[in-house]
Amino acid sequence: MNRKTALITGATSGIGRATAHEFAKHGINLVLCGRRQERLETIKKALEKTTNVHVLNFDVRDKDATFKAIASLPDEFKAIDILINNAGNAHGLDPIQNGDTDDWDAMMDINVKGLLYVSKAIIPQMIARESGHILNIGSSAGKEVYPKGNVYCASKHAVLALTEGMRIDLNPFGIKVGAINPGLVETEFSQVRFKGDAAADTVYKGYKALQAEDIAEIIYFAVSRPAHVNIADLLVFPTAQANSTTVKKEL
């Protein structure tokens, strides 16, 4: 693994950042992508003592910026062996009739179109080498729809459909494609979804949620399997969670 290069989107926080740290432990070269330049530089400074790190500051929603950024990679980082499509978000928790169309656009643009843009920029080189591994970070929301989850759930269902489509289309080239689908993970996710509202502080109370590091370890497990093994689809919950609406909380 220490000769491979991984590109991680959404690397400035949560699962993306934790995955960068996990990969660095194993000597994987890193291309870290995100919208917050200062955070990218902080993570780079922390990890470049362990492995080679390059950062790309762009928004996956911007197609031209995405292609330009990835095309700008220096020669030593150009060959991407592992792509972690992690960038994603949730905005709002409203019934469909009250949904904010700006929230809808943000979720579809980042969770679906952003994943497509980054993949489109990376896949040709994987095809040329007839090797590579793409892991899309989905969600339990891609497995079931819950009240007021409408568009977010739709975007994550789309991620799973795209994962299956990629796996079929890229199969002739020996490229692995899979999805990791977390349930409740304690990250900045709820702060974004509730737009800073105090309700975000209650989401992870009363039980032990998954931590970003838990998912990062699973991601590393998936990408480090032998050549003949592909983790195609993995759903992971904290023990307290049974599905999207059933969570055992201590009073």
C-alpha atoms as a PDB file:
ATOM      1  CA  MET A   1       0.000   0.000   0.000  1.00  0.00           C
ATOM      2  CA  ASN A   2       2.886   2.395   0.670  1.00  0.00           C
ATOM      3  CA  ARG A   3       3.535   2.774  -3.055  1.00  0.00           C
ATOM      4  CA  LYS A   4      -0.043   3.781  -3.866  1.00  0.00           C
ATOM      5  CA  THR A   5      -1.589   7.228  -4.253  1.00  0.00           C
ATOM      6  CA  ALA A   6      -5.086   8.048  -3.011  1.00  0.00           C
ATOM      7  CA  LEU A   7      -7.217  11.076  -3.838  1.00  0.00           C
ATOM      8  CA  ILE A   8      -9.770  11.974  -1.152  1.00  0.00           C
ATOM      9  CA  THR A   9     -12.509  14.571  -1.635  1.00  0.00           C
ATOM     10  CA  GLY A  10     -14.021  16.369   1.324  1.00  0.00           C
ATOM     11  CA  ALA A  11     -10.729  15.863   3.143  1.00  0.00           C
ATOM     12  CA  THR A  12     -10.902  18.881   5.458  1.00  0.00           C
ATOM     13  CA  SER A  13     -13.208  17.376   8.089  1.00  0.00           C
ATOM     14  CA  GLY A  14     -15.026  14.305   9.335  1.00  0.00           C
ATOM     15  CA  ILE A  15     -14.624  11.028   7.490  1.00  0.00           C
ATOM     16  CA  GLY A  16     -12.389  12.540   4.807  1.00  0.00           C
ATOM     17  CA  ARG A  17      -9.892  13.927   7.283  1.00  0.00           C
ATOM     18  CA  ALA A  18      -9.915  10.745   9.376  1.00  0.00           C
ATOM     19  CA  THR A  19      -9.300   8.674   6.232  1.00  0.00           C
ATOM     20  CA  ALA A  20      -6.346  10.868   5.319  1.00  0.00           C
ATOM     21  CA  HIS A  21      -4.828  10.205   8.740  1.00  0.00           C
ATOM     22  CA  GLU A  22      -5.536   6.457   8.496  1.00  0.00           C
ATOM     23  CA  PHE A  23      -4.014   6.194   5.021  1.00  0.00           C
ATOM     24  CA  ALA A  24      -0.952   8.179   6.122  1.00  0.00           C
ATOM     25  CA  LYS A  25      -0.268   5.572   8.829  1.00  0.00           C
ATOM     26  CA  HIS A  26       0.140   3.020   6.052  1.00  0.00           C
ATOM     27  CA  GLY A  27       2.368   5.188   3.870  1.00  0.00           C
ATOM     28  CA  ILE A  28      -0.190   5.866   1.146  1.00  0.00           C
ATOM     29  CA  ASN A  29       0.610   9.025  -0.838  1.00  0.00           C
ATOM     30  CA  LEU A  30      -2.231  11.519  -0.529  1.00  0.00           C
ATOM     31  CA  VAL A  31      -4.003  14.049  -2.728  1.00  0.00           C
ATOM     32  CA  LEU A  32      -6.334  15.887  -0.373  1.00  0.00           C
ATOM     33  CA  CYS A  33      -9.181  17.930  -1.864  1.00  0.00           C
ATOM     34  CA  GLY A  34     -11.445  20.457  -0.211  1.00  0.00           C
ATOM     35  CA  ARG A  35     -12.900  23.943  -0.238  1.00  0.00           C
ATOM     36  CA  ARG A  36     -11.064  25.236   2.848  1.00  0.00           C
ATOM     37  CA  GLN A  37      -7.474  26.017   1.947  1.00  0.00           C
ATOM     38  CA  GLU A  38      -6.359  26.770   5.502  1.00  0.00           C
ATOM     39  CA  ARG A  39      -7.588  23.404   6.736  1.00  0.00           C
ATOM     40  CA  LEU A  40      -5.956  21.626   3.826  1.00  0.00           C
ATOM     41  CA  GLU A  41      -2.620  23.214   4.689  1.00  0.00           C
ATOM     42  CA  THR A  42      -3.005  22.284   8.363  1.00  0.00           C
ATOM     43  CA  ILE A  43      -3.696  18.648   7.512  1.00  0.00           C
ATOM     44  CA  LYS A  44      -0.856  18.577   5.001  1.00  0.00           C
ATOM     45  CA  LYS A  45       1.562  19.912   7.609  1.00  0.00           C
ATOM     46  CA  ALA A  46       0.478  17.220  10.071  1.00  0.00           C
ATOM     47  CA  LEU A  47       0.697  14.323   7.622  1.00  0.00           C
ATOM     48  CA  GLU A  48       3.672  15.134   5.403  1.00  0.00           C
ATOM     49  CA  LYS A  49       5.976  13.950   8.191  1.00  0.00           C
ATOM     50  CA  THR A  50       4.602  10.466   7.480  1.00  0.00           C
ATOM     51  CA  THR A  51       3.844  10.409   3.753  1.00  0.00           C
ATOM     52  CA  ASN A  52       3.836  12.524   0.602  1.00  0.00           C
ATOM     53  CA  VAL A  53       0.908  14.967   0.502  1.00  0.00           C
ATOM     54  CA  HIS A  54      -0.458  17.295  -2.166  1.00  0.00           C
ATOM     55  CA  VAL A  55      -3.520  19.490  -1.671  1.00  0.00           C
ATOM     56  CA  LEU A  56      -6.097  20.714  -4.182  1.00  0.00           C
ATOM     57  CA  ASN A  57      -8.426  23.553  -3.258  1.00  0.00           C
ATOM     58  CA  PHE A  58     -11.653  23.406  -5.299  1.00  0.00           C
ATOM     59  CA  ASP A  59     -15.398  22.826  -5.028  1.00  0.00           C
ATOM     60  CA  VAL A  60     -16.602  19.543  -6.566  1.00  0.00           C
ATOM     61  CA  ARG A  61     -19.791  21.321  -7.679  1.00  0.00           C
ATOM     62  CA  ASP A  62     -17.717  23.368 -10.128  1.00  0.00           C
ATOM     63  CA  LYS A  63     -17.105  21.087 -13.115  1.00  0.00           C
ATOM     64  CA  ASP A  64     -14.428  23.245 -14.752  1.00  0.00           C
ATOM     65  CA  ALA A  65     -12.582  23.844 -11.479  1.00  0.00           C
ATOM     66  CA  THR A  66     -12.668  20.106 -10.733  1.00  0.00           C
ATOM     67  CA  PHE A  67     -11.147  19.092 -14.075  1.00  0.00           C
ATOM     68  CA  LYS A  68      -8.601  21.921 -13.939  1.00  0.00           C
ATOM     69  CA  ALA A  69      -7.482  21.055 -10.404  1.00  0.00           C
ATOM     70  CA  ILE A  70      -7.008  17.354 -11.111  1.00  0.00           C
ATOM     71  CA  ALA A  71      -5.218  18.087 -14.400  1.00  0.00           C
ATOM     72  CA  SER A  72      -2.800  20.311 -12.444  1.00  0.00           C
ATOM     73  CA  LEU A  73      -1.430  17.444 -10.337  1.00  0.00           C
ATOM     74  CA  PRO A  74       2.368  17.184 -10.462  1.00  0.00           C
ATOM     75  CA  ASP A  75       3.787  14.101 -12.139  1.00  0.00           C
ATOM     76  CA  GLU A  76       4.487  12.268  -8.887  1.00  0.00           C
ATOM     77  CA  PHE A  77       0.799  12.476  -7.900  1.00  0.00           C
ATOM     78  CA  LYS A  78      -0.877  12.055 -11.294  1.00  0.00           C
ATOM     79  CA  ALA A  79      -1.405   8.292 -11.163  1.00  0.00           C
ATOM     80  CA  ILE A  80      -4.337   7.880  -8.771  1.00  0.00           C
ATOM     81  CA  ASP A  81      -4.657   4.291  -7.538  1.00  0.00           C
ATOM     82  CA  ILE A  82      -7.456   4.884  -5.025  1.00  0.00           C
ATOM     83  CA  LEU A  83     -10.300   7.395  -5.336  1.00  0.00           C
ATOM     84  CA  ILE A  84     -12.377   8.112  -2.232  1.00  0.00           C
ATOM     85  CA  ASN A  85     -15.474  10.055  -3.275  1.00  0.00           C
ATOM     86  CA  ASN A  86     -16.259  11.371   0.173  1.00  0.00           C
ATOM     87  CA  ALA A  87     -17.430  14.966  -0.412  1.00  0.00           C
ATOM     88  CA  GLY A  88     -21.116  15.214   0.437  1.00  0.00           C
ATOM     89  CA  ASN A  89     -23.612  17.070   2.551  1.00  0.00           C
ATOM     90  CA  ALA A  90     -27.176  17.336   3.805  1.00  0.00           C
ATOM     91  CA  HIS A  91     -29.089  20.608   3.938  1.00  0.00           C
ATOM     92  CA  GLY A  92     -32.345  20.978   5.800  1.00  0.00           C
ATOM     93  CA  LEU A  93     -34.768  18.432   7.195  1.00  0.00           C
ATOM     94  CA  ASP A  94     -38.100  19.502   5.743  1.00  0.00           C
ATOM     95  CA  PRO A  95     -41.139  17.732   4.315  1.00  0.00           C
ATOM     96  CA  ILE A  96     -41.007  17.821   0.538  1.00  0.00           C
ATOM     97  CA  GLN A  97     -43.664  20.529   0.264  1.00  0.00           C
ATOM     98  CA  ASN A  98     -41.601  22.896   2.433  1.00  0.00           C
ATOM     99  CA  GLY A  99     -38.205  22.087   0.980  1.00  0.00           C
ATOM    100  CA  ASP A 100     -35.818  24.858  -0.002  1.00  0.00           C
ATOM    101  CA  THR A 101     -34.799  24.490  -3.650  1.00  0.00           C
ATOM    102  CA  ASP A 102     -31.365  25.931  -2.850  1.00  0.00           C
ATOM    103  CA  ASP A 103     -30.900  23.070  -0.367  1.00  0.00           C
ATOM    104  CA  TRP A 104     -31.993  20.599  -3.037  1.00  0.00           C
ATOM    105  CA  ASP A 105     -29.507  22.027  -5.516  1.00  0.00           C
ATOM    106  CA  ALA A 106     -26.669  21.885  -2.988  1.00  0.00           C
ATOM    107  CA  MET A 107     -27.315  18.227  -2.149  1.00  0.00           C
ATOM    108  CA  MET A 108     -27.698  17.041  -5.726  1.00  0.00           C
ATOM    109  CA  ASP A 109     -24.772  19.146  -6.970  1.00  0.00           C
ATOM    110  CA  ILE A 110     -22.327  17.900  -4.328  1.00  0.00           C
ATOM    111  CA  ASN A 111     -23.533  14.378  -3.550  1.00  0.00           C
ATOM    112  CA  VAL A 112     -24.274  13.306  -7.122  1.00  0.00           C
ATOM    113  CA  LYS A 113     -22.822  15.643  -9.742  1.00  0.00           C
ATOM    114  CA  GLY A 114     -19.645  16.335  -7.758  1.00  0.00           C
ATOM    115  CA  LEU A 115     -19.012  12.613  -7.423  1.00  0.00           C
ATOM    116  CA  LEU A 116     -19.503  12.248 -11.176  1.00  0.00           C
ATOM    117  CA  TYR A 117     -17.163  15.128 -12.067  1.00  0.00           C
ATOM    118  CA  VAL A 118     -14.309  13.843  -9.914  1.00  0.00           C
ATOM    119  CA  SER A 119     -14.787  10.287 -11.141  1.00  0.00           C
ATOM    120  CA  LYS A 120     -14.847  11.451 -14.768  1.00  0.00           C
ATOM    121  CA  ALA A 121     -11.507  13.197 -14.235  1.00  0.00           C
ATOM    122  CA  ILE A 122      -9.851  10.122 -12.669  1.00  0.00           C
ATOM    123  CA  ILE A 123     -11.349   7.093 -14.433  1.00  0.00           C
ATOM    124  CA  PRO A 124      -9.548   7.456 -17.817  1.00  0.00           C
ATOM    125  CA  GLN A 125      -6.122   6.959 -16.234  1.00  0.00           C
ATOM    126  CA  MET A 126      -7.397   3.916 -14.320  1.00  0.00           C
ATOM    127  CA  ILE A 127      -8.731   2.453 -17.564  1.00  0.00           C
ATOM    128  CA  ALA A 128      -5.398   3.100 -19.279  1.00  0.00           C
ATOM    129  CA  ARG A 129      -3.569   1.202 -16.525  1.00  0.00           C
ATOM    130  CA  GLU A 130      -6.335  -1.389 -16.135  1.00  0.00           C
ATOM    131  CA  SER A 131      -6.187  -1.000 -12.373  1.00  0.00           C
ATOM    132  CA  GLY A 132      -7.639   1.187  -9.674  1.00  0.00           C
ATOM    133  CA  HIS A 133     -10.100   1.293  -6.827  1.00  0.00           C
ATOM    134  CA  ILE A 134     -13.047   3.670  -6.405  1.00  0.00           C
ATOM    135  CA  LEU A 135     -14.892   3.863  -3.083  1.00  0.00           C
ATOM    136  CA  ASN A 136     -17.979   6.057  -2.906  1.00  0.00           C
ATOM    137  CA  ILE A 137     -19.061   7.139   0.562  1.00  0.00           C
ATOM    138  CA  GLY A 138     -22.791   6.656   0.612  1.00  0.00           C
ATOM    139  CA  SER A 139     -25.116   6.504   3.596  1.00  0.00           C
ATOM    140  CA  SER A 140     -27.723   4.352   5.252  1.00  0.00           C
ATOM    141  CA  ALA A 141     -30.026   6.980   3.686  1.00  0.00           C
ATOM    142  CA  GLY A 142     -29.207   5.334   0.372  1.00  0.00           C
ATOM    143  CA  LYS A 143     -30.759   2.110   1.665  1.00  0.00           C
ATOM    144  CA  GLU A 144     -34.026   3.473   3.059  1.00  0.00           C
ATOM    145  CA  VAL A 145     -36.033   6.684   3.007  1.00  0.00           C
ATOM    146  CA  TYR A 146     -37.019   8.328   6.290  1.00  0.00           C
ATOM    147  CA  PRO A 147     -39.454  11.151   7.101  1.00  0.00           C
ATOM    148  CA  LYS A 148     -38.240  14.545   5.872  1.00  0.00           C
ATOM    149  CA  GLY A 149     -35.178  12.945   4.301  1.00  0.00           C
ATOM    150  CA  ASN A 150     -36.644  13.066   0.771  1.00  0.00           C
ATOM    151  CA  VAL A 151     -33.991  14.773  -1.396  1.00  0.00           C
ATOM    152  CA  TYR A 152     -30.987  13.806   0.753  1.00  0.00           C
ATOM    153  CA  CYS A 153     -32.117  10.169   0.630  1.00  0.00           C
ATOM    154  CA  ALA A 154     -32.651  10.482  -3.122  1.00  0.00           C
ATOM    155  CA  SER A 155     -29.103  11.781  -3.570  1.00  0.00           C
ATOM    156  CA  LYS A 156     -27.655   8.881  -1.590  1.00  0.00           C
ATOM    157  CA  HIS A 157     -29.786   6.346  -3.443  1.00  0.00           C
ATOM    158  CA  ALA A 158     -28.245   7.863  -6.569  1.00  0.00           C
ATOM    159  CA  VAL A 159     -24.759   7.309  -5.146  1.00  0.00           C
ATOM    160  CA  LEU A 160     -25.505   3.610  -4.764  1.00  0.00           C
ATOM    161  CA  ALA A 161     -26.971   3.389  -8.270  1.00  0.00           C
ATOM    162  CA  LEU A 162     -23.884   5.103  -9.672  1.00  0.00           C
ATOM    163  CA  THR A 163     -21.649   2.757  -7.690  1.00  0.00           C
ATOM    164  CA  GLU A 164     -23.364  -0.270  -9.208  1.00  0.00           C
ATOM    165  CA  GLY A 165     -23.237   1.279 -12.677  1.00  0.00           C
ATOM    166  CA  MET A 166     -19.541   2.096 -12.338  1.00  0.00           C
ATOM    167  CA  ARG A 167     -18.772  -1.414 -11.130  1.00  0.00           C
ATOM    168  CA  ILE A 168     -20.480  -2.930 -14.180  1.00  0.00           C
ATOM    169  CA  ASP A 169     -18.964  -0.535 -16.715  1.00  0.00           C
ATOM    170  CA  LEU A 170     -15.443  -0.676 -15.280  1.00  0.00           C
ATOM    171  CA  ASN A 171     -15.399  -4.432 -14.684  1.00  0.00           C
ATOM    172  CA  PRO A 172     -13.650  -5.178 -18.023  1.00  0.00           C
ATOM    173  CA  PHE A 173     -10.735  -3.005 -16.917  1.00  0.00           C
ATOM    174  CA  GLY A 174     -10.131  -4.696 -13.568  1.00  0.00           C
ATOM    175  CA  ILE A 175     -11.167  -1.598 -11.588  1.00  0.00           C
ATOM    176  CA  LYS A 176     -12.706  -2.219  -8.181  1.00  0.00           C
ATOM    177  CA  VAL A 177     -15.762  -0.128  -7.264  1.00  0.00           C
ATOM    178  CA  GLY A 178     -17.596  -0.174  -3.958  1.00  0.00           C
ATOM    179  CA  ALA A 179     -19.607   1.850  -1.478  1.00  0.00           C
ATOM    180  CA  ILE A 180     -19.305   2.335   2.270  1.00  0.00           C
ATOM    181  CA  ASN A 181     -22.624   3.381   3.813  1.00  0.00           C
ATOM    182  CA  PRO A 182     -22.459   4.758   7.368  1.00  0.00           C
ATOM    183  CA  GLY A 183     -25.371   5.336   9.682  1.00  0.00           C
ATOM    184  CA  LEU A 184     -25.040   7.939  12.433  1.00  0.00           C
ATOM    185  CA  VAL A 185     -21.504   9.329  12.524  1.00  0.00           C
ATOM    186  CA  GLU A 186     -20.581  12.139  14.906  1.00  0.00           C
ATOM    187  CA  THR A 187     -19.105  14.798  12.607  1.00  0.00           C
ATOM    188  CA  GLU A 188     -19.958  18.323  11.427  1.00  0.00           C
ATOM    189  CA  PHE A 189     -22.741  16.738   9.355  1.00  0.00           C
ATOM    190  CA  SER A 190     -25.592  17.746  11.650  1.00  0.00           C
ATOM    191  CA  GLN A 191     -24.269  21.279  12.127  1.00  0.00           C
ATOM    192  CA  VAL A 192     -24.488  21.726   8.358  1.00  0.00           C
ATOM    193  CA  ARG A 193     -27.848  20.010   8.045  1.00  0.00           C
ATOM    194  CA  PHE A 194     -29.474  22.080  10.791  1.00  0.00           C
ATOM    195  CA  LYS A 195     -27.641  25.229   9.669  1.00  0.00           C
ATOM    196  CA  GLY A 196     -26.224  25.917  13.118  1.00  0.00           C
ATOM    197  CA  ASP A 197     -29.538  25.447  14.932  1.00  0.00           C
ATOM    198  CA  ALA A 198     -29.351  24.121  18.502  1.00  0.00           C
ATOM    199  CA  ALA A 199     -31.207  20.987  17.349  1.00  0.00           C
ATOM    200  CA  ALA A 200     -27.907  19.767  15.907  1.00  0.00           C
ATOM    201  CA  ASP A 201     -26.533  19.387  19.437  1.00  0.00           C
ATOM    202  CA  THR A 202     -29.136  16.738  20.315  1.00  0.00           C
ATOM    203  CA  VAL A 203     -28.528  14.377  17.393  1.00  0.00           C
ATOM    204  CA  TYR A 204     -25.706  12.420  19.040  1.00  0.00           C
ATOM    205  CA  LYS A 205     -26.855  12.585  22.689  1.00  0.00           C
ATOM    206  CA  GLY A 206     -27.874   9.550  24.710  1.00  0.00           C
ATOM    207  CA  TYR A 207     -25.916   6.922  22.772  1.00  0.00           C
ATOM    208  CA  LYS A 208     -22.481   6.262  21.305  1.00  0.00           C
ATOM    209  CA  ALA A 209     -22.471   7.287  17.645  1.00  0.00           C
ATOM    210  CA  LEU A 210     -19.932   6.088  15.128  1.00  0.00           C
ATOM    211  CA  GLN A 211     -16.797   8.207  14.960  1.00  0.00           C
ATOM    212  CA  ALA A 212     -15.106   9.331  11.774  1.00  0.00           C
ATOM    213  CA  GLU A 213     -12.125   7.157  12.691  1.00  0.00           C
ATOM    214  CA  ASP A 214     -14.362   4.057  12.752  1.00  0.00           C
ATOM    215  CA  ILE A 215     -15.325   4.647   9.129  1.00  0.00           C
ATOM    216  CA  ALA A 216     -11.748   5.504   8.151  1.00  0.00           C
ATOM    217  CA  GLU A 217     -10.570   2.125   9.456  1.00  0.00           C
ATOM    218  CA  ILE A 218     -13.297   0.390   7.427  1.00  0.00           C
ATOM    219  CA  ILE A 219     -12.302   2.341   4.317  1.00  0.00           C
ATOM    220  CA  TYR A 220      -8.688   1.270   4.754  1.00  0.00           C
ATOM    221  CA  PHE A 221      -9.803  -2.336   5.254  1.00  0.00           C
ATOM    222  CA  ALA A 222     -11.736  -2.157   1.975  1.00  0.00           C
ATOM    223  CA  VAL A 223      -8.875  -0.729  -0.082  1.00  0.00           C
ATOM    224  CA  SER A 224      -6.272  -3.076   1.401  1.00  0.00           C
ATOM    225  CA  ARG A 225      -7.978  -6.357   0.462  1.00  0.00           C
ATOM    226  CA  PRO A 226      -6.157  -8.725  -1.909  1.00  0.00           C
ATOM    227  CA  ALA A 227      -6.486  -8.095  -5.635  1.00  0.00           C
ATOM    228  CA  HIS A 228      -9.239 -10.706  -6.047  1.00  0.00           C
ATOM    229  CA  VAL A 229     -11.434  -9.274  -3.251  1.00  0.00           C
ATOM    230  CA  ASN A 230     -13.766  -6.291  -3.673  1.00  0.00           C
ATOM    231  CA  ILE A 231     -15.958  -4.903  -0.879  1.00  0.00           C
ATOM    232  CA  ALA A 232     -18.859  -3.982  -3.147  1.00  0.00           C
ATOM    233  CA  ASP A 233     -21.339  -2.614  -0.613  1.00  0.00           C
ATOM    234  CA  LEU A 234     -21.041  -2.224   3.152  1.00  0.00           C
ATOM    235  CA  LEU A 235     -23.601  -0.833   5.614  1.00  0.00           C
ATOM    236  CA  VAL A 236     -22.392   0.110   9.098  1.00  0.00           C
ATOM    237  CA  PHE A 237     -24.370   1.356  12.109  1.00  0.00           C
ATOM    238  CA  PRO A 238     -23.444   2.187  15.676  1.00  0.00           C
ATOM    239  CA  THR A 239     -24.693  -0.576  17.961  1.00  0.00           C
ATOM    240  CA  ALA A 240     -27.450   1.704  19.251  1.00  0.00           C
ATOM    241  CA  GLN A 241     -28.917   2.171  15.762  1.00  0.00           C
ATOM    242  CA  ALA A 242     -31.198  -0.393  14.111  1.00  0.00           C
ATOM    243  CA  ASN A 243     -32.314   1.687  11.130  1.00  0.00           C
ATOM    244  CA  SER A 244     -32.694   5.343  10.175  1.00  0.00           C
ATOM    245  CA  THR A 245     -35.448   5.980  12.736  1.00  0.00           C
ATOM    246  CA  THR A 246     -34.694   3.456  15.502  1.00  0.00           C
ATOM    247  CA  VAL A 247     -31.959   4.483  17.913  1.00  0.00           C
ATOM    248  CA  LYS A 248     -31.648   3.224  21.490  1.00  0.00           C
ATOM    249  CA  LYS A 249     -30.938   6.257  23.668  1.00  0.00           C
ATOM    250  CA  GLU A 250     -30.265   6.384  27.379  1.00  0.00           C
ATOM    251  CA  LEU A 251     -32.596   8.686  29.274  1.00  0.00           C
END
